[in-house]
Amino acid sequence: MNNDEINCKTDLNKNIIDKEVYERELKMCKKLSKENSSKCAWGVCRDCGVIPLLHKLHKGKLLEDPKEIKKVKKEIIL
């Protein structure tokens, strides 16, 4: 495969990271958000791509719609 063939949906599969890792990382996001006024060393939660990336790697579903991303973040962080 060359780089021209790679896109955000390339090899989109479930469980690239297992449930334990997924849940642990989401807990860390929630904890840091609460402790640091909705931010961590990587940036501000509303602009962060960590939760959508974790979602993609565990659930095999790409979040692209800003409203859907906001909803998922709100469910996890709040």
Protein backbone atom coordinates (compact mmCIF):
# COMPACT_ATOMS: atom_id res chain seq x y z
CA MET A 1 0.00 0.00 0.00
CA ASN A 2 1.34 3.44 -0.84
CA ASN A 3 0.58 6.62 1.08
CA ASP A 4 -1.96 7.75 -1.56
CA GLU A 5 -4.20 4.83 -0.54
CA ILE A 6 -4.21 5.64 3.19
CA ASN A 7 -7.14 7.61 4.58
CA CYS A 8 -9.00 7.88 7.89
CA LYS A 9 -11.02 4.76 7.07
CA THR A 10 -8.07 2.55 6.11
CA ASP A 11 -8.18 -0.72 8.08
CA LEU A 12 -11.09 0.49 10.20
CA ASN A 13 -11.59 -2.47 12.56
CA LYS A 14 -13.00 -3.08 16.03
CA ASN A 15 -10.85 -3.88 19.04
CA ILE A 16 -7.54 -2.56 17.78
CA ILE A 17 -7.26 -1.57 21.43
CA ASP A 18 -9.08 -3.79 23.89
CA LYS A 19 -11.94 -2.72 26.14
CA GLU A 20 -9.74 -2.50 29.23
CA VAL A 21 -7.33 -0.05 27.58
CA TYR A 22 -10.22 1.92 26.05
CA GLU A 23 -12.01 2.32 29.37
CA ARG A 24 -8.79 3.14 31.27
CA GLU A 25 -7.88 5.91 28.83
CA LEU A 26 -11.41 7.35 28.92
CA LYS A 27 -11.24 7.39 32.73
CA MET A 28 -7.96 9.27 32.49
CA CYS A 29 -9.54 11.85 30.17
CA LYS A 30 -12.46 12.28 32.56
CA LYS A 31 -10.16 12.60 35.58
CA LEU A 32 -7.83 15.13 33.97
CA SER A 33 -10.73 17.14 32.60
CA LYS A 34 -12.30 17.37 36.04
CA GLU A 35 -9.05 18.19 37.83
CA ASN A 36 -7.80 20.74 35.30
CA SER A 37 -10.86 22.71 34.22
CA SER A 38 -11.49 20.77 30.97
CA LYS A 39 -7.90 20.52 29.78
CA CYS A 40 -4.75 18.44 30.10
CA ALA A 41 -1.17 18.64 28.83
CA TRP A 42 -2.41 17.75 25.33
CA GLY A 43 -4.89 20.62 25.10
CA VAL A 44 -8.47 21.70 25.77
CA CYS A 45 -11.08 18.92 25.89
CA ARG A 46 -13.50 20.54 23.44
CA ASP A 47 -10.76 20.62 20.76
CA CYS A 48 -9.11 17.31 21.61
CA GLY A 49 -9.07 14.31 19.29
CA VAL A 50 -8.19 11.67 21.90
CA ILE A 51 -11.75 10.48 22.56
CA PRO A 52 -12.65 10.19 18.85
CA LEU A 53 -9.38 8.34 18.25
CA LEU A 54 -10.01 5.93 21.14
CA HIS A 55 -13.54 5.42 19.83
CA LYS A 56 -12.18 4.61 16.38
CA LEU A 57 -9.55 2.19 17.68
CA HIS A 58 -11.88 0.30 20.01
CA LYS A 59 -15.28 0.46 18.37
CA GLY A 60 -14.10 0.57 14.77
CA LYS A 61 -16.33 3.56 14.06
CA LEU A 62 -15.05 6.84 12.73
CA LEU A 63 -16.61 9.91 14.31
CA GLU A 64 -16.69 12.71 11.72
CA ASP A 65 -19.81 14.76 12.43
CA PRO A 66 -18.95 17.56 14.90
CA LYS A 67 -22.32 17.13 16.64
CA GLU A 68 -21.70 13.41 17.11
CA ILE A 69 -18.18 14.06 18.46
CA LYS A 70 -19.52 16.66 20.89
CA LYS A 71 -22.22 14.23 22.07
CA VAL A 72 -19.74 11.40 22.66
CA LYS A 73 -17.33 13.70 24.49
CA LYS A 74 -20.14 15.02 26.66
CA GLU A 75 -21.23 11.48 27.56
CA ILE A 76 -17.70 10.54 28.57
CA ILE A 77 -16.30 13.66 30.20
CA LEU A 78 -19.36 14.92 32.05
